[in-house]
Amino acid sequence: MADRIQETKIMTDEGVTTETTRTTADERPVGEPASSMTARIIWFIASVIMTILALRFVLILLGANRGNTFVDFIYSISYPFARPFFGMFNYDLEYGVSRFELSTLVAIAVYALVATGLSYLATIRHKSTAL
């Protein structure tokens, strides 16, 4: 592990004294959240997916026209992430009609739970050493 070096200069009447303290990266206060690059990447990907699904939900709720390029892009890119949840609530694929798509909200919740579990697994080794 990388060491952190902290230098403190102490002024006395005789001159300047330098005190050096070396601590390792594993020494952190109990209760400090352990983070890792893997957990951050997991949450970044999950956040992008959940944002796209949230945009899909709002556009469908407002009955956005698929003829618009942006709307078509959001519908197309979100479809693979929302499709596994379509059969839960008798989903009829119909664009341009205002509807409350509950399956998309369930998809957002499921992806959030999966991201939480994966990020916990990615940092479980760090959490056990922090205690």
C-alpha atoms as a PDB file:
ATOM      1  CA  MET A   1       0.000   0.000   0.000  1.00  0.00           C
ATOM      2  CA  ALA A   2       1.091   3.557  -0.594  1.00  0.00           C
ATOM      3  CA  ASP A   3       2.244   5.562   2.384  1.00  0.00           C
ATOM      4  CA  ARG A   4       1.061   9.060   3.141  1.00  0.00           C
ATOM      5  CA  ILE A   5       3.694  11.361   4.521  1.00  0.00           C
ATOM      6  CA  GLN A   6       2.735  14.358   6.588  1.00  0.00           C
ATOM      7  CA  GLU A   7       5.381  16.898   7.542  1.00  0.00           C
ATOM      8  CA  THR A   8       4.858  19.433  10.295  1.00  0.00           C
ATOM      9  CA  LYS A   9       7.255  22.325  10.926  1.00  0.00           C
ATOM     10  CA  ILE A  10       7.534  23.342  14.540  1.00  0.00           C
ATOM     11  CA  MET A  11       8.996  26.763  15.333  1.00  0.00           C
ATOM     12  CA  THR A  12      11.050  26.952  18.511  1.00  0.00           C
ATOM     13  CA  ASP A  13      13.464  29.513  19.930  1.00  0.00           C
ATOM     14  CA  GLU A  14      16.442  27.398  18.826  1.00  0.00           C
ATOM     15  CA  GLY A  15      15.314  27.152  15.208  1.00  0.00           C
ATOM     16  CA  VAL A  16      12.964  25.219  12.940  1.00  0.00           C
ATOM     17  CA  THR A  17      12.326  21.560  13.704  1.00  0.00           C
ATOM     18  CA  THR A  18      10.642  19.319  11.147  1.00  0.00           C
ATOM     19  CA  GLU A  19       8.527  16.445  12.401  1.00  0.00           C
ATOM     20  CA  THR A  20       7.649  13.736   9.880  1.00  0.00           C
ATOM     21  CA  THR A  21       4.747  11.370  10.377  1.00  0.00           C
ATOM     22  CA  ARG A  22       4.240   8.386   8.099  1.00  0.00           C
ATOM     23  CA  THR A  23       0.906   6.583   7.916  1.00  0.00           C
ATOM     24  CA  THR A  24      -0.177   3.819   5.598  1.00  0.00           C
ATOM     25  CA  ALA A  25      -3.264   4.021   3.412  1.00  0.00           C
ATOM     26  CA  ASP A  26      -4.954   1.256   5.456  1.00  0.00           C
ATOM     27  CA  GLU A  27      -5.034   3.431   8.563  1.00  0.00           C
ATOM     28  CA  ARG A  28      -8.343   5.230   8.332  1.00  0.00           C
ATOM     29  CA  PRO A  29     -10.865   6.078  10.999  1.00  0.00           C
ATOM     30  CA  VAL A  30     -13.521   3.496  11.812  1.00  0.00           C
ATOM     31  CA  GLY A  31     -16.775   4.314  10.050  1.00  0.00           C
ATOM     32  CA  GLU A  32     -15.143   6.076   7.117  1.00  0.00           C
ATOM     33  CA  PRO A  33     -16.733   4.735   3.933  1.00  0.00           C
ATOM     34  CA  ALA A  34     -14.467   2.549   1.858  1.00  0.00           C
ATOM     35  CA  SER A  35     -14.583   3.361  -1.818  1.00  0.00           C
ATOM     36  CA  SER A  36     -12.987   1.763  -4.776  1.00  0.00           C
ATOM     37  CA  MET A  37     -12.722   2.520  -8.425  1.00  0.00           C
ATOM     38  CA  THR A  38     -14.839  -0.553  -9.258  1.00  0.00           C
ATOM     39  CA  ALA A  39     -17.739   0.679  -7.112  1.00  0.00           C
ATOM     40  CA  ARG A  40     -17.543   4.108  -8.731  1.00  0.00           C
ATOM     41  CA  ILE A  41     -17.619   2.585 -12.213  1.00  0.00           C
ATOM     42  CA  ILE A  42     -20.602   0.406 -11.252  1.00  0.00           C
ATOM     43  CA  TRP A  43     -22.516   3.431  -9.973  1.00  0.00           C
ATOM     44  CA  PHE A  44     -21.586   5.511 -13.019  1.00  0.00           C
ATOM     45  CA  ILE A  45     -22.950   2.869 -15.403  1.00  0.00           C
ATOM     46  CA  ALA A  46     -26.068   2.352 -13.270  1.00  0.00           C
ATOM     47  CA  SER A  47     -26.659   6.108 -13.106  1.00  0.00           C
ATOM     48  CA  VAL A  48     -26.482   6.417 -16.888  1.00  0.00           C
ATOM     49  CA  ILE A  49     -28.952   3.532 -17.318  1.00  0.00           C
ATOM     50  CA  MET A  50     -31.339   4.900 -14.687  1.00  0.00           C
ATOM     51  CA  THR A  51     -31.187   8.394 -16.204  1.00  0.00           C
ATOM     52  CA  ILE A  52     -32.044   7.049 -19.651  1.00  0.00           C
ATOM     53  CA  LEU A  53     -34.929   5.072 -18.155  1.00  0.00           C
ATOM     54  CA  ALA A  54     -36.152   8.154 -16.272  1.00  0.00           C
ATOM     55  CA  LEU A  55     -36.123  10.140 -19.519  1.00  0.00           C
ATOM     56  CA  ARG A  56     -38.082   7.328 -21.173  1.00  0.00           C
ATOM     57  CA  PHE A  57     -40.629   7.405 -18.349  1.00  0.00           C
ATOM     58  CA  VAL A  58     -41.144  11.167 -18.616  1.00  0.00           C
ATOM     59  CA  LEU A  59     -41.379  11.121 -22.418  1.00  0.00           C
ATOM     60  CA  ILE A  60     -43.942   8.301 -22.388  1.00  0.00           C
ATOM     61  CA  LEU A  61     -45.855   9.988 -19.578  1.00  0.00           C
ATOM     62  CA  LEU A  62     -46.103  13.140 -21.697  1.00  0.00           C
ATOM     63  CA  GLY A  63     -46.942  11.185 -24.861  1.00  0.00           C
ATOM     64  CA  ALA A  64     -43.871  12.312 -26.807  1.00  0.00           C
ATOM     65  CA  ASN A  65     -43.937  11.807 -30.572  1.00  0.00           C
ATOM     66  CA  ARG A  66     -41.534   9.139 -31.815  1.00  0.00           C
ATOM     67  CA  GLY A  67     -41.110  11.135 -35.024  1.00  0.00           C
ATOM     68  CA  ASN A  68     -38.779  13.473 -33.133  1.00  0.00           C
ATOM     69  CA  THR A  69     -35.113  12.458 -33.415  1.00  0.00           C
ATOM     70  CA  PHE A  70     -34.301  12.915 -29.710  1.00  0.00           C
ATOM     71  CA  VAL A  71     -37.414  11.073 -28.558  1.00  0.00           C
ATOM     72  CA  ASP A  72     -36.710   8.214 -30.964  1.00  0.00           C
ATOM     73  CA  PHE A  73     -33.113   8.040 -29.704  1.00  0.00           C
ATOM     74  CA  ILE A  74     -34.216   7.814 -26.054  1.00  0.00           C
ATOM     75  CA  TYR A  75     -36.873   5.195 -26.843  1.00  0.00           C
ATOM     76  CA  SER A  76     -34.390   3.118 -28.869  1.00  0.00           C
ATOM     77  CA  ILE A  77     -31.546   3.252 -26.364  1.00  0.00           C
ATOM     78  CA  SER A  78     -33.778   2.583 -23.350  1.00  0.00           C
ATOM     79  CA  TYR A  79     -35.728  -0.276 -24.913  1.00  0.00           C
ATOM     80  CA  PRO A  80     -33.177  -3.054 -24.112  1.00  0.00           C
ATOM     81  CA  PHE A  81     -33.101  -2.000 -20.453  1.00  0.00           C
ATOM     82  CA  ALA A  82     -36.871  -1.649 -20.065  1.00  0.00           C
ATOM     83  CA  ARG A  83     -37.933  -4.671 -22.152  1.00  0.00           C
ATOM     84  CA  PRO A  84     -37.390  -7.373 -19.464  1.00  0.00           C
ATOM     85  CA  PHE A  85     -40.014  -5.654 -17.306  1.00  0.00           C
ATOM     86  CA  PHE A  86     -42.729  -5.130 -19.946  1.00  0.00           C
ATOM     87  CA  GLY A  87     -44.716  -8.297 -19.164  1.00  0.00           C
ATOM     88  CA  MET A  88     -45.240  -7.422 -15.510  1.00  0.00           C
ATOM     89  CA  PHE A  89     -48.205  -5.096 -15.999  1.00  0.00           C
ATOM     90  CA  ASN A  90     -49.832  -6.061 -19.345  1.00  0.00           C
ATOM     91  CA  TYR A  91     -47.652  -3.779 -21.412  1.00  0.00           C
ATOM     92  CA  ASP A  92     -48.877  -2.749 -24.866  1.00  0.00           C
ATOM     93  CA  LEU A  93     -46.103  -1.043 -26.845  1.00  0.00           C
ATOM     94  CA  GLU A  94     -47.726   2.136 -28.141  1.00  0.00           C
ATOM     95  CA  TYR A  95     -45.792   5.355 -28.745  1.00  0.00           C
ATOM     96  CA  GLY A  96     -47.263   8.840 -28.953  1.00  0.00           C
ATOM     97  CA  VAL A  97     -49.958   8.099 -26.385  1.00  0.00           C
ATOM     98  CA  SER A  98     -49.678   9.445 -22.856  1.00  0.00           C
ATOM     99  CA  ARG A  99     -49.451   6.604 -20.365  1.00  0.00           C
ATOM    100  CA  PHE A 100     -48.016   5.819 -16.960  1.00  0.00           C
ATOM    101  CA  GLU A 101     -45.396   3.140 -17.634  1.00  0.00           C
ATOM    102  CA  LEU A 102     -45.040   1.446 -14.267  1.00  0.00           C
ATOM    103  CA  SER A 103     -42.679  -1.201 -15.650  1.00  0.00           C
ATOM    104  CA  THR A 104     -40.042   1.481 -16.323  1.00  0.00           C
ATOM    105  CA  LEU A 105     -40.216   2.617 -12.704  1.00  0.00           C
ATOM    106  CA  VAL A 106     -39.756  -0.986 -11.583  1.00  0.00           C
ATOM    107  CA  ALA A 107     -36.761  -1.262 -13.938  1.00  0.00           C
ATOM    108  CA  ILE A 108     -35.162   1.817 -12.367  1.00  0.00           C
ATOM    109  CA  ALA A 109     -35.636   0.361  -8.872  1.00  0.00           C
ATOM    110  CA  VAL A 110     -34.231  -3.033  -9.896  1.00  0.00           C
ATOM    111  CA  TYR A 111     -31.151  -1.483 -11.530  1.00  0.00           C
ATOM    112  CA  ALA A 112     -30.570   0.608  -8.398  1.00  0.00           C
ATOM    113  CA  LEU A 113     -30.757  -2.515  -6.223  1.00  0.00           C
ATOM    114  CA  VAL A 114     -28.406  -4.430  -8.521  1.00  0.00           C
ATOM    115  CA  ALA A 115     -25.910  -1.541  -8.501  1.00  0.00           C
ATOM    116  CA  THR A 116     -26.072  -1.385  -4.708  1.00  0.00           C
ATOM    117  CA  GLY A 117     -25.362  -5.100  -4.413  1.00  0.00           C
ATOM    118  CA  LEU A 118     -22.536  -5.076  -6.950  1.00  0.00           C
ATOM    119  CA  SER A 119     -20.853  -2.048  -5.406  1.00  0.00           C
ATOM    120  CA  TYR A 120     -21.129  -3.649  -1.980  1.00  0.00           C
ATOM    121  CA  LEU A 121     -19.499  -6.814  -3.306  1.00  0.00           C
ATOM    122  CA  ALA A 122     -16.759  -4.745  -4.932  1.00  0.00           C
ATOM    123  CA  THR A 123     -15.900  -3.048  -1.630  1.00  0.00           C
ATOM    124  CA  ILE A 124     -16.603  -5.880   0.824  1.00  0.00           C
ATOM    125  CA  ARG A 125     -12.911  -6.629   1.271  1.00  0.00           C
ATOM    126  CA  HIS A 126     -12.244  -2.988   2.146  1.00  0.00           C
ATOM    127  CA  LYS A 127     -15.172  -2.867   4.563  1.00  0.00           C
ATOM    128  CA  SER A 128     -14.019  -5.934   6.477  1.00  0.00           C
ATOM    129  CA  THR A 129     -10.497  -4.517   6.969  1.00  0.00           C
ATOM    130  CA  ALA A 130     -11.813  -1.151   8.132  1.00  0.00           C
ATOM    131  CA  LEU A 131     -13.500  -2.688  11.171  1.00  0.00           C
END
